Amino acid sequence: MVAANREMAVYCFDTLVAHYNSDDAPPAAFDEGQHPLFVTWKKAVNGSEPRLRGCIGTLEARYLVNGFRDYALTSALRDRRFPPIQAKELPTLECTVSILTNYETANNYLDWEVGTHGLIIEFTDPNNNVRRSATYLPEVAAHEGWTKEEAIDSLMRKAGYSGHITESLRKSIQVTRYQSTLFTLTYSDYVSYVRATRGEAPAINGVKPGNY
């Protein structure tokens, strides 16, 4: 099984830097494969807890090189919850790459473990008969300090459901649980890696070298 690693996170940073420089990213330095994957960008300012800046991925298997290239940019620039990440923000960023594994159908909405499983929920909105779905990666519920029920309720809101959440509605949800491997890389560690492996720090159009 392929596990998330540093080279995948480096490639996501390379892809974003290349975007700002209107250039091509260096070749990926990890093995190809096909897996569902996510790219998460967070921003930390003045030593604060990193805050989500963009997170998009796919629950369907993708070739890893193309997948990380596509979702590094999509999550940074086209997550509708946030304005696009600007080049000047790069020194404050950290990137987490996730590879999803072990998809299983849960017996009910509580048949999963906080901190171990990510969730995909699907249900029919009782107000308009619309089919709704949403996912959280395995680390989300634990990071937020949620119980299983709180995580499920939050996922229903994320899916676009605005009505009253009842126990019968929770029991109607189809839950797929999954696990993941992940790797997180800060921009400063990315710069150190590039210096060590390529002989010089990455140059970014519009960002002064002293800023990173």
N, C-alpha and C. Protein backbone atom coordinates (compact mmCIF):
# COMPACT_ATOMS: atom_id res chain seq x y z
N MET A 1 0.84 -1.21 0.00
CA MET A 1 0.00 0.00 0.00
C MET A 1 0.87 1.25 0.00
N VAL A 2 0.52 2.20 -0.83
CA VAL A 2 1.23 3.48 -0.88
C VAL A 2 0.79 4.34 0.29
N ALA A 3 1.76 4.92 1.00
CA ALA A 3 1.45 5.80 2.12
C ALA A 3 1.84 7.23 1.76
N ALA A 4 1.11 8.19 2.32
CA ALA A 4 1.45 9.60 2.10
C ALA A 4 2.86 9.86 2.63
N ASN A 5 3.62 10.69 1.92
CA ASN A 5 5.00 10.95 2.33
C ASN A 5 5.42 12.38 2.01
N ARG A 6 6.62 12.71 2.45
CA ARG A 6 7.14 14.08 2.30
C ARG A 6 7.21 14.51 0.85
N GLU A 7 7.64 13.60 -0.03
CA GLU A 7 7.80 13.98 -1.44
C GLU A 7 6.47 14.39 -2.07
N MET A 8 5.37 13.81 -1.61
CA MET A 8 4.05 14.20 -2.13
C MET A 8 3.70 15.62 -1.70
N ALA A 9 4.00 15.96 -0.44
CA ALA A 9 3.73 17.31 0.03
C ALA A 9 4.66 18.31 -0.65
N VAL A 10 5.92 17.92 -0.87
CA VAL A 10 6.86 18.78 -1.61
C VAL A 10 6.32 19.05 -3.00
N TYR A 11 5.80 18.03 -3.65
CA TYR A 11 5.27 18.19 -5.01
C TYR A 11 4.09 19.16 -5.03
N CYS A 12 3.25 19.14 -3.98
CA CYS A 12 2.14 20.08 -3.92
C CYS A 12 2.65 21.51 -3.78
N PHE A 13 3.65 21.72 -2.93
CA PHE A 13 4.26 23.05 -2.83
C PHE A 13 4.91 23.44 -4.16
N ASP A 14 5.64 22.50 -4.77
CA ASP A 14 6.26 22.78 -6.08
C ASP A 14 5.22 23.22 -7.10
N THR A 15 4.08 22.54 -7.09
CA THR A 15 3.01 22.85 -8.04
C THR A 15 2.46 24.25 -7.82
N LEU A 16 2.26 24.63 -6.55
CA LEU A 16 1.73 25.95 -6.25
C LEU A 16 2.75 27.03 -6.57
N VAL A 17 4.01 26.81 -6.22
CA VAL A 17 5.07 27.78 -6.55
C VAL A 17 5.16 27.94 -8.07
N ALA A 18 5.11 26.84 -8.81
CA ALA A 18 5.19 26.91 -10.27
C ALA A 18 4.01 27.69 -10.85
N HIS A 19 2.84 27.54 -10.23
CA HIS A 19 1.67 28.31 -10.67
C HIS A 19 1.93 29.80 -10.57
N TYR A 20 2.45 30.24 -9.43
CA TYR A 20 2.72 31.67 -9.24
C TYR A 20 3.82 32.17 -10.17
N ASN A 21 4.73 31.27 -10.53
CA ASN A 21 5.83 31.65 -11.42
C ASN A 21 5.51 31.41 -12.89
N SER A 22 4.28 30.96 -13.19
CA SER A 22 3.89 30.61 -14.56
C SER A 22 4.91 29.66 -15.19
N ASP A 23 5.27 28.64 -14.43
CA ASP A 23 6.32 27.71 -14.82
C ASP A 23 5.82 26.28 -14.62
N ASP A 24 6.64 25.32 -14.98
CA ASP A 24 6.31 23.91 -14.75
C ASP A 24 6.98 23.45 -13.46
N ALA A 25 6.28 22.63 -12.69
CA ALA A 25 6.85 22.08 -11.47
C ALA A 25 7.89 21.03 -11.81
N PRO A 26 8.91 20.85 -10.95
CA PRO A 26 9.86 19.74 -11.14
C PRO A 26 9.11 18.40 -11.11
N PRO A 27 9.70 17.39 -11.71
CA PRO A 27 9.04 16.08 -11.72
C PRO A 27 8.79 15.56 -10.30
N ALA A 28 7.71 14.82 -10.15
CA ALA A 28 7.40 14.23 -8.85
C ALA A 28 8.45 13.19 -8.47
N ALA A 29 8.75 13.10 -7.17
CA ALA A 29 9.80 12.18 -6.69
C ALA A 29 9.19 11.07 -5.84
N PHE A 30 7.99 10.61 -6.23
CA PHE A 30 7.36 9.50 -5.51
C PHE A 30 6.77 8.53 -6.52
N ASP A 31 6.50 7.33 -6.07
CA ASP A 31 6.01 6.29 -6.96
C ASP A 31 4.57 6.56 -7.38
N GLU A 32 4.28 6.22 -8.62
CA GLU A 32 2.92 6.37 -9.14
C GLU A 32 2.03 5.27 -8.56
N GLY A 33 0.75 5.51 -8.58
CA GLY A 33 -0.24 4.56 -8.11
C GLY A 33 -1.60 5.19 -8.29
N GLN A 34 -2.65 4.49 -7.93
CA GLN A 34 -4.01 5.02 -8.02
C GLN A 34 -4.69 4.90 -6.67
N HIS A 35 -5.06 6.05 -6.11
CA HIS A 35 -5.72 6.08 -4.80
C HIS A 35 -6.60 7.33 -4.70
N PRO A 36 -7.65 7.29 -3.89
CA PRO A 36 -8.34 8.52 -3.52
C PRO A 36 -7.37 9.39 -2.70
N LEU A 37 -7.48 10.70 -2.83
CA LEU A 37 -6.51 11.57 -2.16
C LEU A 37 -7.13 12.93 -1.87
N PHE A 38 -6.53 13.63 -0.91
CA PHE A 38 -6.92 14.99 -0.55
C PHE A 38 -5.67 15.84 -0.34
N VAL A 39 -5.81 17.14 -0.62
CA VAL A 39 -4.76 18.11 -0.31
C VAL A 39 -5.37 19.19 0.58
N THR A 40 -4.75 19.43 1.72
CA THR A 40 -5.23 20.42 2.68
C THR A 40 -4.16 21.48 2.89
N TRP A 41 -4.57 22.74 2.76
CA TRP A 41 -3.68 23.86 3.06
C TRP A 41 -4.16 24.54 4.34
N LYS A 42 -3.23 24.80 5.25
CA LYS A 42 -3.54 25.57 6.45
C LYS A 42 -2.56 26.73 6.56
N LYS A 43 -2.98 27.77 7.26
CA LYS A 43 -2.18 28.98 7.39
C LYS A 43 -1.98 29.30 8.87
N ALA A 44 -0.72 29.51 9.25
CA ALA A 44 -0.39 29.89 10.63
C ALA A 44 0.28 31.25 10.63
N VAL A 45 -0.21 32.16 11.46
CA VAL A 45 0.34 33.51 11.54
C VAL A 45 0.80 33.77 12.97
N ASN A 46 2.04 34.23 13.10
CA ASN A 46 2.60 34.61 14.41
C ASN A 46 2.50 33.48 15.43
N GLY A 47 2.78 32.26 14.97
CA GLY A 47 2.80 31.13 15.89
C GLY A 47 1.44 30.63 16.32
N SER A 48 0.38 31.11 15.68
CA SER A 48 -0.98 30.70 16.04
C SER A 48 -1.26 29.29 15.53
N GLU A 49 -2.34 28.70 16.05
CA GLU A 49 -2.79 27.40 15.56
C GLU A 49 -3.13 27.51 14.08
N PRO A 50 -2.57 26.63 13.23
CA PRO A 50 -2.88 26.71 11.79
C PRO A 50 -4.38 26.62 11.52
N ARG A 51 -4.85 27.49 10.65
CA ARG A 51 -6.27 27.51 10.30
C ARG A 51 -6.46 27.08 8.86
N LEU A 52 -7.57 26.38 8.63
CA LEU A 52 -7.85 25.85 7.30
C LEU A 52 -7.89 26.98 6.28
N ARG A 53 -7.21 26.73 5.15
CA ARG A 53 -7.17 27.72 4.06
C ARG A 53 -7.71 27.13 2.75
N GLY A 54 -7.83 25.80 2.73
CA GLY A 54 -8.38 25.13 1.56
C GLY A 54 -8.21 23.63 1.69
N CYS A 55 -9.22 22.87 1.30
CA CYS A 55 -9.13 21.41 1.38
C CYS A 55 -10.08 20.81 0.35
N ILE A 56 -9.52 20.18 -0.66
CA ILE A 56 -10.32 19.53 -1.69
C ILE A 56 -9.60 18.27 -2.13
N GLY A 57 -10.35 17.26 -2.47
CA GLY A 57 -9.77 16.01 -2.95
C GLY A 57 -10.82 15.19 -3.67
N THR A 58 -10.53 13.93 -3.80
CA THR A 58 -11.43 13.03 -4.51
C THR A 58 -11.58 11.73 -3.74
N LEU A 59 -12.80 11.23 -3.70
CA LEU A 59 -13.08 9.94 -3.07
C LEU A 59 -12.93 8.79 -4.05
N GLU A 60 -12.67 9.12 -5.31
CA GLU A 60 -12.42 8.12 -6.34
C GLU A 60 -10.91 8.02 -6.57
N ALA A 61 -10.44 6.84 -6.94
CA ALA A 61 -9.02 6.65 -7.17
C ALA A 61 -8.54 7.50 -8.34
N ARG A 62 -7.41 8.17 -8.14
CA ARG A 62 -6.75 8.96 -9.18
C ARG A 62 -5.28 8.56 -9.25
N TYR A 63 -4.69 8.69 -10.44
CA TYR A 63 -3.24 8.55 -10.51
C TYR A 63 -2.63 9.63 -9.63
N LEU A 64 -1.68 9.25 -8.77
CA LEU A 64 -1.23 10.14 -7.71
C LEU A 64 -0.57 11.41 -8.22
N VAL A 65 0.28 11.30 -9.24
CA VAL A 65 0.99 12.50 -9.72
C VAL A 65 0.00 13.52 -10.25
N ASN A 66 -0.86 13.10 -11.15
CA ASN A 66 -1.86 14.03 -11.69
C ASN A 66 -2.83 14.49 -10.61
N GLY A 67 -3.19 13.57 -9.71
CA GLY A 67 -4.14 13.91 -8.67
C GLY A 67 -3.60 14.97 -7.72
N PHE A 68 -2.38 14.79 -7.24
CA PHE A 68 -1.81 15.79 -6.34
C PHE A 68 -1.56 17.11 -7.06
N ARG A 69 -1.18 17.05 -8.32
CA ARG A 69 -1.00 18.30 -9.08
C ARG A 69 -2.33 19.04 -9.20
N ASP A 70 -3.38 18.34 -9.56
CA ASP A 70 -4.68 18.98 -9.76
C ASP A 70 -5.24 19.53 -8.45
N TYR A 71 -5.18 18.71 -7.39
CA TYR A 71 -5.84 19.12 -6.16
C TYR A 71 -4.99 20.06 -5.32
N ALA A 72 -3.67 20.09 -5.53
CA ALA A 72 -2.86 21.13 -4.90
C ALA A 72 -3.35 22.51 -5.34
N LEU A 73 -3.65 22.64 -6.63
CA LEU A 73 -4.12 23.93 -7.16
C LEU A 73 -5.59 24.16 -6.85
N THR A 74 -6.40 23.12 -7.00
CA THR A 74 -7.84 23.30 -6.76
C THR A 74 -8.10 23.69 -5.31
N SER A 75 -7.43 23.02 -4.37
CA SER A 75 -7.67 23.33 -2.95
C SER A 75 -7.11 24.69 -2.58
N ALA A 76 -6.04 25.12 -3.23
CA ALA A 76 -5.44 26.42 -2.92
C ALA A 76 -6.18 27.57 -3.56
N LEU A 77 -6.74 27.35 -4.73
CA LEU A 77 -7.26 28.46 -5.52
C LEU A 77 -8.77 28.43 -5.74
N ARG A 78 -9.40 27.26 -5.54
CA ARG A 78 -10.81 27.15 -5.93
C ARG A 78 -11.70 26.51 -4.87
N ASP A 79 -11.25 26.52 -3.62
CA ASP A 79 -12.14 26.12 -2.52
C ASP A 79 -13.09 27.28 -2.28
N ARG A 80 -14.37 27.08 -2.56
CA ARG A 80 -15.35 28.18 -2.53
C ARG A 80 -15.55 28.78 -1.15
N ARG A 81 -15.05 28.11 -0.11
CA ARG A 81 -15.19 28.64 1.25
C ARG A 81 -14.19 29.76 1.53
N PHE A 82 -13.17 29.89 0.69
CA PHE A 82 -12.08 30.82 0.97
C PHE A 82 -11.68 31.57 -0.29
N PRO A 83 -11.09 32.77 -0.13
CA PRO A 83 -10.50 33.43 -1.30
C PRO A 83 -9.26 32.65 -1.74
N PRO A 84 -8.87 32.76 -3.00
CA PRO A 84 -7.69 32.04 -3.48
C PRO A 84 -6.44 32.41 -2.67
N ILE A 85 -5.61 31.43 -2.40
CA ILE A 85 -4.34 31.69 -1.71
C ILE A 85 -3.45 32.53 -2.62
N GLN A 86 -2.85 33.56 -2.07
CA GLN A 86 -1.95 34.42 -2.81
C GLN A 86 -0.50 34.03 -2.56
N ALA A 87 0.36 34.39 -3.50
CA ALA A 87 1.78 34.02 -3.40
C ALA A 87 2.39 34.52 -2.09
N LYS A 88 2.00 35.69 -1.65
CA LYS A 88 2.59 36.26 -0.44
C LYS A 88 2.24 35.46 0.82
N GLU A 89 1.23 34.59 0.73
CA GLU A 89 0.84 33.77 1.87
C GLU A 89 1.70 32.51 2.01
N LEU A 90 2.43 32.15 0.98
CA LEU A 90 3.17 30.89 0.98
C LEU A 90 4.02 30.66 2.23
N PRO A 91 4.76 31.66 2.71
CA PRO A 91 5.61 31.41 3.89
C PRO A 91 4.83 31.04 5.15
N THR A 92 3.53 31.27 5.17
CA THR A 92 2.72 30.97 6.36
C THR A 92 1.99 29.64 6.23
N LEU A 93 2.19 28.92 5.11
CA LEU A 93 1.37 27.74 4.82
C LEU A 93 1.99 26.45 5.31
N GLU A 94 1.12 25.48 5.56
CA GLU A 94 1.53 24.09 5.69
C GLU A 94 0.60 23.27 4.81
N CYS A 95 1.14 22.20 4.27
CA CYS A 95 0.38 21.34 3.35
C CYS A 95 0.30 19.94 3.94
N THR A 96 -0.92 19.39 3.96
CA THR A 96 -1.12 18.01 4.37
C THR A 96 -1.66 17.23 3.19
N VAL A 97 -0.97 16.15 2.84
CA VAL A 97 -1.45 15.25 1.79
C VAL A 97 -2.02 14.01 2.46
N SER A 98 -3.15 13.55 1.97
CA SER A 98 -3.83 12.38 2.53
C SER A 98 -4.11 11.38 1.42
N ILE A 99 -3.84 10.12 1.69
CA ILE A 99 -4.23 9.02 0.80
C ILE A 99 -5.24 8.17 1.54
N LEU A 100 -6.40 7.97 0.94
CA LEU A 100 -7.51 7.28 1.60
C LEU A 100 -7.48 5.79 1.30
N THR A 101 -7.78 4.99 2.34
CA THR A 101 -7.71 3.53 2.21
C THR A 101 -8.85 2.89 3.01
N ASN A 102 -9.00 1.59 2.84
CA ASN A 102 -9.87 0.76 3.70
C ASN A 102 -11.31 1.25 3.77
N TYR A 103 -11.93 1.43 2.63
CA TYR A 103 -13.34 1.82 2.60
C TYR A 103 -14.21 0.67 3.12
N GLU A 104 -15.13 0.96 4.03
CA GLU A 104 -16.03 -0.04 4.58
C GLU A 104 -17.41 0.58 4.79
N THR A 105 -18.44 -0.21 4.59
CA THR A 105 -19.79 0.24 4.88
C THR A 105 -20.07 0.07 6.37
N ALA A 106 -20.42 1.15 7.04
CA ALA A 106 -20.71 1.09 8.48
C ALA A 106 -22.09 0.51 8.70
N ASN A 107 -22.27 -0.15 9.84
CA ASN A 107 -23.57 -0.74 10.16
C ASN A 107 -24.60 0.32 10.53
N ASN A 108 -24.13 1.44 11.08
CA ASN A 108 -25.02 2.54 11.44
C ASN A 108 -24.18 3.80 11.62
N TYR A 109 -24.82 4.91 11.96
CA TYR A 109 -24.10 6.18 11.97
C TYR A 109 -23.09 6.30 13.12
N LEU A 110 -23.13 5.36 14.07
CA LEU A 110 -22.17 5.36 15.18
C LEU A 110 -21.09 4.29 15.02
N ASP A 111 -21.11 3.55 13.93
CA ASP A 111 -20.20 2.43 13.73
C ASP A 111 -18.88 2.89 13.12
N TRP A 112 -18.14 3.68 13.89
CA TRP A 112 -16.83 4.19 13.48
C TRP A 112 -16.13 4.75 14.71
N GLU A 113 -14.83 5.03 14.60
CA GLU A 113 -14.06 5.50 15.73
C GLU A 113 -13.47 6.88 15.43
N VAL A 114 -13.69 7.82 16.37
CA VAL A 114 -13.11 9.16 16.26
C VAL A 114 -11.59 9.05 16.25
N GLY A 115 -10.95 9.72 15.30
CA GLY A 115 -9.50 9.69 15.21
C GLY A 115 -8.95 8.57 14.35
N THR A 116 -9.79 7.59 14.03
CA THR A 116 -9.36 6.48 13.18
C THR A 116 -10.00 6.54 11.81
N HIS A 117 -11.30 6.83 11.78
CA HIS A 117 -12.06 6.76 10.52
C HIS A 117 -12.45 8.13 10.00
N GLY A 118 -12.34 8.27 8.68
CA GLY A 118 -13.04 9.34 7.99
C GLY A 118 -14.42 8.83 7.61
N LEU A 119 -15.29 9.75 7.24
CA LEU A 119 -16.69 9.39 6.97
C LEU A 119 -17.16 9.96 5.65
N ILE A 120 -17.95 9.16 4.95
CA ILE A 120 -18.76 9.65 3.84
C ILE A 120 -20.21 9.36 4.21
N ILE A 121 -21.03 10.40 4.26
CA ILE A 121 -22.44 10.16 4.54
C ILE A 121 -23.27 10.47 3.31
N GLU A 122 -24.36 9.73 3.17
CA GLU A 122 -25.35 9.96 2.12
C GLU A 122 -26.73 9.81 2.73
N PHE A 123 -27.62 10.74 2.40
CA PHE A 123 -28.98 10.65 2.92
C PHE A 123 -29.91 11.47 2.04
N THR A 124 -31.18 11.21 2.20
CA THR A 124 -32.20 11.95 1.45
C THR A 124 -32.78 13.05 2.33
N ASP A 125 -32.73 14.28 1.85
CA ASP A 125 -33.27 15.43 2.58
C ASP A 125 -34.79 15.26 2.67
N PRO A 126 -35.35 15.15 3.88
CA PRO A 126 -36.80 14.92 4.01
C PRO A 126 -37.63 16.13 3.59
N ASN A 127 -37.00 17.30 3.48
CA ASN A 127 -37.75 18.50 3.13
C ASN A 127 -37.99 18.65 1.64
N ASN A 128 -37.08 18.12 0.82
CA ASN A 128 -37.22 18.31 -0.62
C ASN A 128 -36.83 17.08 -1.45
N ASN A 129 -36.54 15.97 -0.76
CA ASN A 129 -36.22 14.70 -1.42
C ASN A 129 -34.90 14.74 -2.19
N VAL A 130 -34.07 15.73 -1.91
CA VAL A 130 -32.76 15.84 -2.56
C VAL A 130 -31.78 14.88 -1.88
N ARG A 131 -30.98 14.20 -2.69
CA ARG A 131 -29.95 13.31 -2.16
C ARG A 131 -28.72 14.14 -1.78
N ARG A 132 -28.28 14.02 -0.55
CA ARG A 132 -27.16 14.83 -0.06
C ARG A 132 -26.01 13.94 0.40
N SER A 133 -24.78 14.47 0.31
CA SER A 133 -23.60 13.72 0.75
C SER A 133 -22.50 14.69 1.17
N ALA A 134 -21.60 14.19 2.01
CA ALA A 134 -20.46 14.98 2.46
C ALA A 134 -19.44 14.05 3.10
N THR A 135 -18.21 14.54 3.26
CA THR A 135 -17.17 13.73 3.89
C THR A 135 -16.34 14.57 4.83
N TYR A 136 -15.81 13.92 5.85
CA TYR A 136 -14.77 14.47 6.72
C TYR A 136 -13.60 13.50 6.73
N LEU A 137 -12.39 14.02 6.65
CA LEU A 137 -11.20 13.19 6.78
C LEU A 137 -11.06 12.69 8.22
N PRO A 138 -10.28 11.64 8.44
CA PRO A 138 -10.21 11.03 9.78
C PRO A 138 -9.78 11.97 10.89
N GLU A 139 -8.96 12.97 10.58
CA GLU A 139 -8.44 13.84 11.65
C GLU A 139 -9.42 14.94 12.07
N VAL A 140 -10.49 15.17 11.31
CA VAL A 140 -11.34 16.33 11.57
C VAL A 140 -12.08 16.22 12.90
N ALA A 141 -12.79 15.12 13.13
CA ALA A 141 -13.60 14.99 14.34
C ALA A 141 -12.74 15.09 15.59
N ALA A 142 -11.57 14.45 15.56
CA ALA A 142 -10.68 14.49 16.73
C ALA A 142 -10.16 15.90 16.96
N HIS A 143 -9.80 16.59 15.89
CA HIS A 143 -9.28 17.96 16.01
C HIS A 143 -10.33 18.89 16.58
N GLU A 144 -11.58 18.69 16.19
CA GLU A 144 -12.66 19.56 16.66
C GLU A 144 -13.16 19.16 18.05
N GLY A 145 -12.77 17.98 18.53
CA GLY A 145 -13.23 17.52 19.83
C GLY A 145 -14.67 17.07 19.83
N TRP A 146 -15.16 16.60 18.69
CA TRP A 146 -16.55 16.20 18.56
C TRP A 146 -16.79 14.77 19.06
N THR A 147 -18.01 14.53 19.52
CA THR A 147 -18.50 13.18 19.69
C THR A 147 -18.90 12.65 18.31
N LYS A 148 -19.21 11.36 18.24
CA LYS A 148 -19.67 10.80 16.97
C LYS A 148 -20.93 11.49 16.48
N GLU A 149 -21.86 11.72 17.38
CA GLU A 149 -23.13 12.35 17.00
C GLU A 149 -22.89 13.78 16.51
N GLU A 150 -22.03 14.51 17.19
CA GLU A 150 -21.74 15.89 16.77
C GLU A 150 -21.08 15.91 15.39
N ALA A 151 -20.21 14.94 15.14
CA ALA A 151 -19.56 14.88 13.83
C ALA A 151 -20.58 14.58 12.73
N ILE A 152 -21.49 13.65 12.99
CA ILE A 152 -22.52 13.32 12.01
C ILE A 152 -23.41 14.54 11.74
N ASP A 153 -23.83 15.22 12.82
CA ASP A 153 -24.68 16.40 12.64
C ASP A 153 -23.97 17.48 11.84
N SER A 154 -22.67 17.68 12.13
CA SER A 154 -21.91 18.67 11.38
C SER A 154 -21.78 18.29 9.91
N LEU A 155 -21.59 17.00 9.65
CA LEU A 155 -21.52 16.54 8.26
C LEU A 155 -22.83 16.78 7.52
N MET A 156 -23.95 16.60 8.22
CA MET A 156 -25.24 16.85 7.57
C MET A 156 -25.38 18.31 7.19
N ARG A 157 -24.88 19.20 8.05
CA ARG A 157 -24.90 20.63 7.71
C ARG A 157 -23.97 20.91 6.53
N LYS A 158 -22.80 20.27 6.56
CA LYS A 158 -21.86 20.45 5.46
C LYS A 158 -22.47 19.99 4.13
N ALA A 159 -23.31 18.96 4.20
CA ALA A 159 -23.96 18.44 2.99
C ALA A 159 -25.05 19.37 2.47
N GLY A 160 -25.39 20.37 3.27
CA GLY A 160 -26.39 21.35 2.82
C GLY A 160 -27.75 21.20 3.45
N TYR A 161 -27.88 20.32 4.45
CA TYR A 161 -29.16 20.13 5.11
C TYR A 161 -29.34 21.20 6.19
N SER A 162 -30.44 21.92 6.14
CA SER A 162 -30.67 23.03 7.08
C SER A 162 -31.87 22.78 7.98
N GLY A 163 -32.50 21.62 7.86
CA GLY A 163 -33.69 21.33 8.65
C GLY A 163 -33.34 20.79 10.03
N HIS A 164 -34.38 20.36 10.73
CA HIS A 164 -34.22 19.80 12.07
C HIS A 164 -33.62 18.39 11.97
N ILE A 165 -32.60 18.12 12.78
CA ILE A 165 -31.95 16.81 12.77
C ILE A 165 -32.58 15.94 13.84
N THR A 166 -33.21 14.87 13.42
CA THR A 166 -33.87 13.95 14.34
C THR A 166 -33.08 12.64 14.42
N GLU A 167 -33.37 11.86 15.42
CA GLU A 167 -32.70 10.57 15.55
C GLU A 167 -33.07 9.65 14.39
N SER A 168 -34.32 9.73 13.96
CA SER A 168 -34.73 8.87 12.83
C SER A 168 -33.99 9.26 11.55
N LEU A 169 -33.73 10.56 11.38
CA LEU A 169 -32.97 10.99 10.20
C LEU A 169 -31.53 10.49 10.29
N ARG A 170 -30.93 10.58 11.48
CA ARG A 170 -29.57 10.05 11.64
C ARG A 170 -29.52 8.56 11.29
N LYS A 171 -30.54 7.83 11.73
CA LYS A 171 -30.56 6.38 11.47
C LYS A 171 -30.76 6.05 10.00
N SER A 172 -31.24 7.00 9.23
CA SER A 172 -31.46 6.76 7.80
C SER A 172 -30.20 6.98 6.97
N ILE A 173 -29.16 7.54 7.59
CA ILE A 173 -27.95 7.89 6.86
C ILE A 173 -27.17 6.62 6.48
N GLN A 174 -26.67 6.61 5.26
CA GLN A 174 -25.71 5.58 4.83
C GLN A 174 -24.31 6.12 5.11
N VAL A 175 -23.55 5.36 5.87
CA VAL A 175 -22.21 5.80 6.26
C VAL A 175 -21.16 4.85 5.70
N THR A 176 -20.20 5.42 4.99
CA THR A 176 -19.01 4.69 4.58
C THR A 176 -17.84 5.23 5.40
N ARG A 177 -17.12 4.34 6.06
CA ARG A 177 -15.96 4.78 6.84
C ARG A 177 -14.69 4.41 6.08
N TYR A 178 -13.65 5.18 6.31
CA TYR A 178 -12.38 4.89 5.65
C TYR A 178 -11.24 5.37 6.54
N GLN A 179 -10.04 4.96 6.22
CA GLN A 179 -8.87 5.40 6.95
C GLN A 179 -7.94 6.13 5.99
N SER A 180 -6.88 6.70 6.53
CA SER A 180 -5.96 7.43 5.66
C SER A 180 -4.56 7.42 6.24
N THR A 181 -3.59 7.62 5.36
CA THR A 181 -2.26 8.00 5.79
C THR A 181 -2.09 9.46 5.39
N LEU A 182 -1.34 10.21 6.17
CA LEU A 182 -1.16 11.62 5.85
C LEU A 182 0.25 12.07 6.18
N PHE A 183 0.66 13.15 5.56
CA PHE A 183 1.95 13.77 5.85
C PHE A 183 1.77 15.28 5.76
N THR A 184 2.28 15.97 6.77
CA THR A 184 2.18 17.44 6.83
C THR A 184 3.56 18.06 6.72
N LEU A 185 3.67 19.08 5.87
CA LEU A 185 4.94 19.77 5.62
C LEU A 185 4.72 21.27 5.70
N THR A 186 5.50 21.96 6.52
CA THR A 186 5.43 23.42 6.57
C THR A 186 6.23 24.01 5.42
N TYR A 187 5.96 25.28 5.13
CA TYR A 187 6.70 25.92 4.04
C TYR A 187 8.19 26.01 4.37
N SER A 188 8.52 26.30 5.63
CA SER A 188 9.93 26.41 5.99
C SER A 188 10.64 25.07 5.80
N ASP A 189 9.96 23.95 6.13
CA ASP A 189 10.56 22.64 5.91
C ASP A 189 10.66 22.32 4.42
N TYR A 190 9.71 22.81 3.66
CA TYR A 190 9.77 22.66 2.20
C TYR A 190 11.00 23.39 1.65
N VAL A 191 11.21 24.62 2.10
CA VAL A 191 12.37 25.40 1.63
C VAL A 191 13.66 24.67 2.01
N SER A 192 13.74 24.15 3.23
CA SER A 192 14.94 23.42 3.66
C SER A 192 15.17 22.20 2.78
N TYR A 193 14.10 21.50 2.46
CA TYR A 193 14.20 20.31 1.60
C TYR A 193 14.71 20.71 0.22
N VAL A 194 14.16 21.76 -0.36
CA VAL A 194 14.58 22.19 -1.70
C VAL A 194 16.03 22.62 -1.68
N ARG A 195 16.45 23.37 -0.66
CA ARG A 195 17.85 23.78 -0.57
C ARG A 195 18.78 22.55 -0.51
N ALA A 196 18.37 21.57 0.29
CA ALA A 196 19.23 20.40 0.48
C ALA A 196 19.30 19.51 -0.76
N THR A 197 18.22 19.42 -1.50
CA THR A 197 18.17 18.49 -2.64
C THR A 197 18.45 19.15 -3.98
N ARG A 198 18.25 20.47 -4.08
CA ARG A 198 18.41 21.16 -5.36
C ARG A 198 19.45 22.27 -5.32
N GLY A 199 19.98 22.55 -4.14
CA GLY A 199 21.08 23.49 -4.05
C GLY A 199 20.71 24.94 -3.85
N GLU A 200 19.43 25.27 -3.96
CA GLU A 200 19.00 26.66 -3.75
C GLU A 200 17.53 26.67 -3.35
N ALA A 201 17.14 27.76 -2.66
CA ALA A 201 15.76 27.89 -2.22
C ALA A 201 14.85 28.21 -3.40
N PRO A 202 13.57 27.87 -3.30
CA PRO A 202 12.64 28.23 -4.39
C PRO A 202 12.48 29.73 -4.50
N ALA A 203 12.43 30.23 -5.72
CA ALA A 203 12.18 31.65 -5.97
C ALA A 203 10.73 31.82 -6.37
N ILE A 204 10.09 32.84 -5.81
CA ILE A 204 8.66 33.04 -6.07
C ILE A 204 8.45 34.46 -6.57
N ASN A 205 7.83 34.59 -7.71
CA ASN A 205 7.53 35.91 -8.24
C ASN A 205 6.68 36.71 -7.27
N GLY A 206 7.10 37.93 -6.96
CA GLY A 206 6.31 38.80 -6.10
C GLY A 206 6.53 38.60 -4.62
N VAL A 207 7.39 37.66 -4.24
CA VAL A 207 7.69 37.43 -2.82
C VAL A 207 9.19 37.64 -2.61
N LYS A 208 9.56 38.54 -1.73
CA LYS A 208 10.95 38.81 -1.45
C LYS A 208 11.58 37.63 -0.75
N PRO A 209 12.83 37.28 -1.09
CA PRO A 209 13.48 36.13 -0.45
C PRO A 209 13.49 36.20 1.07
N GLY A 210 13.59 37.39 1.63
CA GLY A 210 13.61 37.54 3.08
C GLY A 210 12.32 37.12 3.76
N ASN A 211 11.24 36.98 2.98
CA ASN A 211 9.95 36.61 3.54
C ASN A 211 9.80 35.10 3.69
N TYR A 212 10.81 34.35 3.24
CA TYR A 212 10.73 32.90 3.42
C TYR A 212 12.10 32.30 3.65
